[in-house]
Amino acid sequence: MTEKARVRDGRCATTRNLLASEAIMALVFFGTDPNSGGGNCPAVWVDTDTAKGPELVLQGKFADATTRAACGQDSPPADDEGIVRIPLSMVEQIRRACDAAEAAGTQL
């Protein structure tokens, strides 16, 4: 999995992602939207250090009110949840992140 993770500023994702408490999160960066033009949002990571096993972490633009309302009819978000839009151009990065998370399972 680490060979697929990108290194930025000479540091791996695990080193870059410090919590306020100075603990290191085990985030593995898989990429940003190739069409973003700025190398930023949207983006995808895998968090390898959760109690329930690997999870995807997604960064994207907040959905508009109409989209949030439509999504809320099927699955109302909890207070600590949000709805974001991720473009199709992110499919490759998300697929790689899903494959890596699935392969890692709960062995991490």
Protein backbone atom coordinates (compact mmCIF):
# COMPACT_ATOMS: atom_id res chain seq x y z
CA MET A 1 0.00 0.00 0.00
CA THR A 2 2.77 2.48 0.84
CA GLU A 3 4.29 2.32 -2.64
CA LYS A 4 1.00 3.65 -4.02
CA ALA A 5 0.79 6.43 -1.45
CA ARG A 6 2.04 9.80 -2.59
CA VAL A 7 4.78 11.69 -0.84
CA ARG A 8 4.47 15.46 -0.60
CA ASP A 9 7.10 17.88 0.71
CA GLY A 10 9.39 14.91 1.38
CA ARG A 11 6.99 13.55 4.01
CA CYS A 12 4.57 10.65 3.83
CA ALA A 13 0.91 11.10 4.73
CA THR A 14 1.41 9.60 8.18
CA THR A 15 4.01 12.22 9.02
CA ARG A 16 1.98 15.10 7.57
CA ASN A 17 -1.26 14.38 9.38
CA LEU A 18 -0.74 15.34 13.00
CA LEU A 19 -3.67 15.71 15.34
CA ALA A 20 -3.87 18.64 17.72
CA SER A 21 -2.76 16.26 20.48
CA GLU A 22 0.42 15.56 18.45
CA ALA A 23 -0.60 11.93 17.89
CA ILE A 24 0.07 10.71 14.37
CA MET A 25 -2.88 9.57 12.27
CA ALA A 26 -2.21 6.69 9.92
CA LEU A 27 -3.57 8.37 6.80
CA VAL A 28 -2.32 7.08 3.45
CA PHE A 29 -2.82 9.61 0.66
CA PHE A 30 -4.06 8.28 -2.69
CA GLY A 31 -4.54 11.43 -4.72
CA THR A 32 -6.45 14.50 -5.70
CA ASP A 33 -8.72 15.24 -8.63
CA PRO A 34 -6.49 15.30 -11.72
CA ASN A 35 -8.70 18.10 -13.02
CA SER A 36 -8.41 20.32 -9.93
CA GLY A 37 -5.58 22.37 -11.39
CA GLY A 38 -4.21 23.10 -7.93
CA GLY A 39 -3.44 19.64 -6.64
CA ASN A 40 -6.03 19.92 -3.89
CA CYS A 41 -9.74 19.27 -3.35
CA PRO A 42 -11.21 16.75 -3.86
CA ALA A 43 -8.89 14.15 -2.36
CA VAL A 44 -8.93 10.63 -0.94
CA TRP A 45 -7.04 8.90 1.89
CA VAL A 46 -7.28 5.61 3.76
CA ASP A 47 -7.16 5.81 7.56
CA THR A 48 -5.41 2.61 8.61
CA ASP A 49 -5.67 3.26 12.33
CA THR A 50 -9.33 2.90 13.31
CA ALA A 51 -10.81 0.47 15.82
CA LYS A 52 -13.13 -1.00 13.17
CA GLY A 53 -10.49 -1.38 10.46
CA PRO A 54 -9.47 0.80 7.51
CA GLU A 55 -11.80 3.63 6.43
CA LEU A 56 -11.85 5.97 3.46
CA VAL A 57 -11.44 9.68 4.16
CA LEU A 58 -12.80 11.94 1.42
CA GLN A 59 -12.40 15.67 0.88
CA GLY A 60 -14.78 17.40 -1.49
CA LYS A 61 -17.02 20.38 -2.08
CA PHE A 62 -20.07 20.62 0.17
CA ALA A 63 -23.25 19.67 -1.64
CA ASP A 64 -25.80 22.41 -2.25
CA ALA A 65 -29.03 22.62 -0.26
CA THR A 66 -31.11 20.89 -2.95
CA THR A 67 -28.71 17.92 -3.06
CA ARG A 68 -28.56 17.72 0.74
CA ALA A 69 -32.36 17.70 0.93
CA ALA A 70 -32.67 14.99 -1.73
CA CYS A 71 -30.01 12.82 -0.05
CA GLY A 72 -31.62 13.42 3.34
CA GLN A 73 -34.81 11.75 2.14
CA ASP A 74 -32.94 8.45 1.76
CA SER A 75 -30.37 8.80 4.53
CA PRO A 76 -30.61 11.86 6.80
CA PRO A 77 -27.08 12.84 7.88
CA ALA A 78 -26.28 12.88 11.60
CA ASP A 79 -25.06 16.10 13.21
CA ASP A 80 -21.43 15.07 12.67
CA GLU A 81 -21.91 14.07 9.00
CA GLY A 82 -21.95 15.98 5.76
CA ILE A 83 -22.68 15.38 2.10
CA VAL A 84 -19.92 16.16 -0.37
CA ARG A 85 -19.63 15.95 -4.13
CA ILE A 86 -16.81 13.92 -5.66
CA PRO A 87 -16.32 14.13 -9.45
CA LEU A 88 -16.04 11.04 -11.65
CA SER A 89 -12.45 12.00 -12.38
CA MET A 90 -11.66 10.74 -8.85
CA VAL A 91 -12.80 7.17 -9.57
CA GLU A 92 -9.27 5.84 -10.15
CA GLN A 93 -7.92 7.26 -6.87
CA ILE A 94 -10.98 6.10 -4.92
CA ARG A 95 -10.78 2.63 -6.47
CA ARG A 96 -7.11 2.32 -5.50
CA ALA A 97 -7.92 3.50 -1.97
CA CYS A 98 -10.80 1.01 -1.72
CA ASP A 99 -8.60 -1.84 -2.96
CA ALA A 100 -5.86 -0.95 -0.46
CA ALA A 101 -8.30 -0.64 2.44
CA GLU A 102 -9.96 -3.92 1.53
CA ALA A 103 -6.60 -5.71 1.19
CA ALA A 104 -5.45 -4.37 4.56
CA GLY A 105 -8.63 -5.50 6.30
CA THR A 106 -8.34 -5.46 10.06
CA GLN A 107 -4.72 -6.66 10.01
CA LEU A 108 -3.38 -3.15 10.57
